Protein backbone atom coordinates (compact mmCIF):
# COMPACT_ATOMS: atom_id res chain seq x y z
CA UNK A 1 -18.82 1.26 -30.04
CA UNK A 2 -15.28 0.21 -28.61
CA UNK A 3 -14.50 -3.40 -29.03
CA UNK A 4 -12.46 -5.43 -26.83
CA UNK A 5 -9.56 -5.57 -28.94
CA UNK A 6 -9.79 -1.63 -29.48
CA UNK A 7 -9.98 -0.96 -25.66
CA UNK A 8 -7.05 -3.63 -24.87
CA UNK A 9 -5.04 -1.59 -27.46
CA UNK A 10 -5.63 1.53 -26.11
CA UNK A 11 -5.23 0.58 -22.52
CA UNK A 12 -1.78 -0.68 -23.69
CA UNK A 13 -0.68 2.61 -25.35
CA UNK A 14 -2.00 4.59 -22.64
CA UNK A 15 -0.42 2.37 -19.64
CA UNK A 16 2.89 2.52 -21.73
CA UNK A 17 2.29 6.20 -21.85
CA UNK A 18 1.65 6.71 -18.09
CA UNK A 19 4.55 4.91 -17.14
CA UNK A 20 6.62 7.21 -19.34
CA UNK A 21 5.69 10.48 -18.16
CA UNK A 22 5.96 8.93 -14.52
CA UNK A 23 9.55 7.70 -15.21
CA UNK A 24 10.32 11.35 -16.57
CA UNK A 25 8.93 12.79 -13.50
CA UNK A 26 10.64 10.06 -11.07
CA UNK A 27 7.44 8.79 -9.91
CA UNK A 28 8.00 5.21 -11.24
CA UNK A 29 9.84 3.20 -8.74
CA UNK A 30 12.27 0.67 -10.12
CA UNK A 31 11.63 -3.13 -10.28
CA UNK A 32 14.25 -3.63 -7.98
CA UNK A 33 12.41 -1.68 -4.86
CA UNK A 34 11.18 -4.31 -2.48
CA UNK A 35 7.75 -2.52 -2.62
CA UNK A 36 7.48 -3.57 -6.38
CA UNK A 37 8.74 -6.73 -5.78
CA UNK A 38 6.26 -7.34 -3.10
CA UNK A 39 3.48 -6.32 -5.53
CA UNK A 40 4.58 -8.58 -8.29
CA UNK A 41 5.25 -11.65 -5.82
CA UNK A 42 1.66 -11.11 -4.88
CA UNK A 43 0.19 -10.80 -8.16
CA UNK A 44 2.17 -13.93 -9.31
CA UNK A 45 -0.04 -15.76 -6.91
CA UNK A 46 -3.60 -14.15 -7.82
CA UNK A 47 -3.11 -14.12 -11.74
CA UNK A 48 -2.86 -17.84 -12.31
CA UNK A 49 -6.53 -18.04 -11.03
CA UNK A 50 -7.81 -15.17 -13.33
CA UNK A 51 -8.92 -17.19 -16.04
CA UNK A 52 -11.63 -18.79 -13.84
CA UNK A 53 -13.68 -15.45 -14.39
CA UNK A 54 -12.55 -14.26 -18.10
CA UNK A 55 -10.77 -17.11 -20.15
CA UNK A 56 -9.05 -14.29 -22.10
CA UNK A 57 -7.11 -13.29 -19.32
CA UNK A 58 -4.83 -16.44 -19.88
CA UNK A 59 -3.60 -14.85 -22.83
CA UNK A 60 -3.20 -11.25 -21.00
CA UNK A 61 0.53 -9.70 -20.66
CA UNK A 62 0.45 -8.89 -17.11
CA UNK A 63 2.16 -6.22 -15.48
CA UNK A 64 2.32 -4.68 -12.33
CA UNK A 65 4.14 -1.14 -11.42
CA UNK A 66 4.27 1.20 -8.43
CA UNK A 67 3.71 4.92 -9.13
CA UNK A 68 5.49 7.09 -6.61
CA UNK A 69 2.44 9.26 -4.99
CA UNK A 70 0.61 10.02 -2.01
CA UNK A 71 -2.55 9.08 -3.37
CA UNK A 72 -4.21 6.13 -1.98
CA UNK A 73 -5.44 4.32 -5.30
CA UNK A 74 -4.92 1.69 -7.55
CA UNK A 75 -6.10 0.06 -10.58
CA UNK A 76 -6.30 -2.60 -13.32
CA UNK A 77 -6.72 -1.83 -17.04
CA UNK A 78 -8.09 -3.74 -19.66
CA UNK A 79 -5.60 -6.54 -20.34
CA UNK A 80 -4.11 -6.99 -17.11
CA UNK A 81 -1.92 -3.47 -16.51
CA UNK A 82 -1.98 -2.97 -12.91
CA UNK A 83 -0.75 -0.09 -11.10
CA UNK A 84 -0.74 0.78 -7.49
CA UNK A 85 -0.11 4.15 -5.88
CA UNK A 86 2.57 4.26 -3.03
CA UNK A 87 0.36 6.09 -0.79
CA UNK A 88 -1.93 3.29 -0.48
CA UNK A 89 0.73 1.20 1.03
CA UNK A 90 2.20 3.59 3.19
CA UNK A 91 -0.98 5.36 4.47
CA UNK A 92 -3.36 2.29 5.30
CA UNK A 93 -0.12 0.13 6.54
CA UNK A 94 -1.41 -2.98 4.32
CA UNK A 95 -0.49 -6.10 5.42
CA UNK A 96 -0.19 -8.74 2.33
CA UNK A 97 -3.51 -10.10 2.47
CA UNK A 98 -4.97 -6.59 2.51
CA UNK A 99 -2.64 -5.60 -0.56
CA UNK A 100 -4.27 -8.78 -2.31
CA UNK A 101 -7.44 -7.81 -1.70
CA UNK A 102 -6.93 -4.29 -3.32
CA UNK A 103 -5.46 -6.06 -6.24
CA UNK A 104 -8.13 -8.73 -6.61
CA UNK A 105 -10.86 -6.44 -6.49
CA UNK A 106 -9.21 -4.02 -9.41
CA UNK A 107 -7.97 -7.39 -11.34
CA UNK A 108 -11.65 -8.31 -11.18
CA UNK A 109 -12.93 -4.80 -12.78
CA UNK A 110 -10.66 -5.80 -15.50
CA UNK A 111 -11.87 -9.53 -15.86
CA UNK A 112 -15.45 -8.59 -15.77
CA UNK A 113 -15.00 -5.83 -18.37
CA UNK A 114 -16.47 -3.40 -16.01
CA UNK A 115 -14.52 -0.45 -17.43
CA UNK A 116 -15.09 -1.36 -21.30
CA UNK A 117 -18.80 -1.13 -20.44
CA UNK A 118 -18.54 2.29 -18.37
CA UNK A 119 -17.13 3.80 -21.41
CA UNK A 120 -19.24 2.57 -23.87
CA UNK A 121 -22.11 3.81 -21.81
CA UNK A 122 -20.49 7.27 -21.31
CA UNK A 123 -20.54 9.94 -23.91
CA UNK A 124 -16.85 11.15 -22.86
CA UNK A 125 -15.50 13.57 -25.31
CA UNK A 126 -11.95 14.67 -25.71
CA UNK A 127 -12.41 17.75 -23.98
CA UNK A 128 -13.72 15.23 -20.87
CA UNK A 129 -10.58 13.57 -21.69
CA UNK A 130 -8.23 16.22 -21.34
CA UNK A 131 -9.78 17.15 -18.04
CA UNK A 132 -8.94 13.50 -16.93
CA UNK A 133 -5.67 13.96 -17.86
CA UNK A 134 -5.15 16.59 -15.86
CA UNK A 135 -6.04 14.38 -13.16
CA UNK A 136 -2.79 12.56 -14.16
CA UNK A 137 -0.84 15.79 -13.96
CA UNK A 138 -2.01 16.31 -10.39
CA UNK A 139 -0.60 13.16 -9.43
CA UNK A 140 2.46 13.44 -10.74
CA UNK A 141 3.00 17.29 -10.65
CA UNK A 142 3.21 16.97 -14.61
CA UNK A 143 2.68 20.00 -16.88
CA UNK A 144 -0.92 19.41 -18.04
CA UNK A 145 0.19 20.34 -21.41
CA UNK A 146 2.17 16.84 -21.36
CA UNK A 147 -0.66 15.00 -20.69
CA UNK A 148 -2.88 15.33 -23.44
CA UNK A 149 -1.45 11.92 -24.97
CA UNK A 150 -2.61 10.11 -21.46
CA UNK A 151 -5.94 11.74 -21.74
CA UNK A 152 -7.91 8.19 -22.98
CA UNK A 153 -8.23 4.96 -21.33
CA UNK A 154 -5.06 5.51 -18.91
CA UNK A 155 -6.77 8.72 -17.12
CA UNK A 156 -10.31 7.47 -16.97
CA UNK A 157 -9.17 4.33 -15.45
CA UNK A 158 -7.66 6.35 -12.43
CA UNK A 159 -10.71 8.24 -12.01
CA UNK A 160 -13.40 5.84 -13.50
CA UNK A 161 -16.18 5.49 -10.96
CA UNK A 162 -18.33 2.30 -11.35
CA UNK A 163 -21.86 1.31 -10.54
CA UNK A 164 -22.53 0.00 -6.96
CA UNK A 165 -23.26 -3.71 -8.86
CA UNK A 166 -20.17 -3.56 -10.33
CA UNK A 167 -18.20 -2.45 -7.23
CA UNK A 168 -20.09 -5.52 -5.35
CA UNK A 169 -19.20 -7.98 -8.04
CA UNK A 170 -15.29 -6.90 -7.61
CA UNK A 171 -15.50 -7.38 -4.38
CA UNK A 172 -16.65 -10.87 -4.37
CA UNK A 173 -14.71 -12.01 -7.52
CA UNK A 174 -11.59 -10.22 -5.68
CA UNK A 175 -12.49 -12.06 -2.51
CA UNK A 176 -12.53 -15.80 -4.74
CA UNK A 177 -9.32 -14.73 -6.39
CA UNK A 178 -7.14 -14.04 -3.18
CA UNK A 179 -8.63 -17.03 -1.30
CA UNK A 180 -7.85 -19.25 -4.06
CA UNK A 181 -4.19 -17.78 -4.09
CA UNK A 182 -3.88 -18.44 -0.25
CA UNK A 183 -4.78 -14.85 0.99
CA UNK A 184 -7.01 -14.69 3.99
CA UNK A 185 -10.43 -13.20 2.53
CA UNK A 186 -11.09 -11.77 6.24
CA UNK A 187 -8.24 -8.86 5.22
CA UNK A 188 -11.20 -7.43 2.95
CA UNK A 189 -13.01 -6.52 6.22
CA UNK A 190 -9.89 -4.82 7.81
CA UNK A 191 -8.90 -3.34 4.65
CA UNK A 192 -12.30 -1.61 4.33
CA UNK A 193 -12.57 -0.70 8.15
CA UNK A 194 -8.95 0.75 7.66
CA UNK A 195 -10.24 2.83 4.67
CA UNK A 196 -12.85 4.09 6.59
CA UNK A 197 -10.83 5.12 9.66
CA UNK A 198 -8.09 6.85 7.46
CA UNK A 199 -10.90 8.58 5.33
CA UNK A 200 -12.12 9.93 8.61
CA UNK A 201 -8.62 11.75 9.15
CA UNK A 202 -8.48 13.15 5.53
CA UNK A 203 -10.25 12.78 2.24
CA UNK A 204 -9.02 9.74 0.17
CA UNK A 205 -8.80 9.35 -3.32
CA UNK A 206 -9.93 5.90 -3.39
CA UNK A 207 -13.11 6.88 -1.59
CA UNK A 208 -14.47 9.06 -4.12
CA UNK A 209 -14.45 6.26 -6.73
CA UNK A 210 -15.14 3.31 -4.52
CA UNK A 211 -18.11 3.56 -2.26
CA UNK A 212 -17.35 2.45 1.15
CA UNK A 213 -19.34 1.99 4.36
CA UNK A 214 -20.66 -0.85 6.24
CA UNK A 215 -22.94 -2.08 3.35
CA UNK A 216 -19.80 -2.97 1.48
CA UNK A 217 -18.43 -4.57 4.74
CA UNK A 218 -21.79 -6.58 5.46
CA UNK A 219 -21.95 -7.49 1.82
CA UNK A 220 -18.46 -9.40 2.34
CA UNK A 221 -19.38 -10.85 5.57
CA UNK A 222 -22.25 -12.70 3.97
CA UNK A 223 -19.94 -13.99 1.44
CA UNK A 224 -17.38 -14.74 3.75
CA UNK A 225 -18.54 -18.51 4.31
CA UNK A 226 -18.04 -19.23 0.65
CA UNK A 227 -14.53 -18.13 0.23
CA UNK A 228 -13.11 -18.66 3.70
CA UNK A 229 -13.20 -22.61 3.23
CA UNK A 230 -11.39 -22.35 0.10
CA UNK A 231 -8.87 -20.34 1.74
CA UNK A 232 -8.59 -22.86 4.71
CA UNK A 233 -8.08 -25.80 1.95
CA UNK A 234 -4.90 -23.60 0.90
CA UNK A 235 -3.56 -23.79 4.43
CA UNK A 236 -4.48 -27.46 4.56
CA UNK A 237 -6.99 -26.89 7.65
CA UNK A 238 -10.66 -26.17 8.42
CA UNK A 239 -12.41 -22.86 8.93
CA UNK A 240 -13.10 -23.51 12.36
CA UNK A 241 -9.22 -24.25 13.01
CA UNK A 242 -8.29 -20.56 11.34
CA UNK A 243 -6.46 -18.21 13.87
CA UNK A 244 -8.45 -15.04 14.04
CA UNK A 245 -7.19 -12.42 11.46
CA UNK A 246 -4.70 -10.20 12.44
CA UNK A 247 -4.03 -6.81 10.76
CA UNK A 248 -1.48 -4.00 11.47
CA UNK A 249 -2.68 -0.34 12.84
CA UNK A 250 -2.85 2.63 11.02
CA UNK A 251 0.24 4.89 11.17
CA UNK A 252 0.11 7.53 13.63
CA UNK A 253 -1.38 10.62 12.30
CA UNK A 254 0.77 13.18 10.81
């Protein structure tokens, strides 16, 4: 059985190897890039509230990186290792609030230890791992023979499918984290509306691992009375005085 410490150490190794391979293929966006600085600034506001949902998170060595890929995806590995794919920023034209919704959701999976539970329950073999590693090859155009070392947790996190209950929990915890950090939780609604609209244009990778649809939006709306007052307090106001949330339109269809 994979213990928390084992998963964390393997996660650290796989994340480092993933970044190394991405850098070799010029797919790792440098820290000086404004997009990376934006992601890290958003994370710096969310992370202080992570320990509310998992006390161990106070000791995690948080990392945030951006991978240059058209994939519409993001993930957070055990131990607080976050990666975004550039496609999710450009294809969905995300506001900072919507980025925070994505980040809060993925962080929540790590905080609630969904990945470790999935991996413990699975009977993944090295052969399956290599298939997952091939998925990393597809993202970066890397020779599949070079991805064997990334065929463990790193690759699993990219393609991991969580249960409906885990996805709902990650949505709600993510809303709470983002709201406490001063991001408008109503952006969770517009985010998934944009996901659905973009997915109707072409298949989105993230929709294959994250169930969408009206039921998801409805669940967020049911929890909005709990998190919207939290957000309003960060703005020094009340819910009834908040202006309507304004998103940004999807980019023109190519």
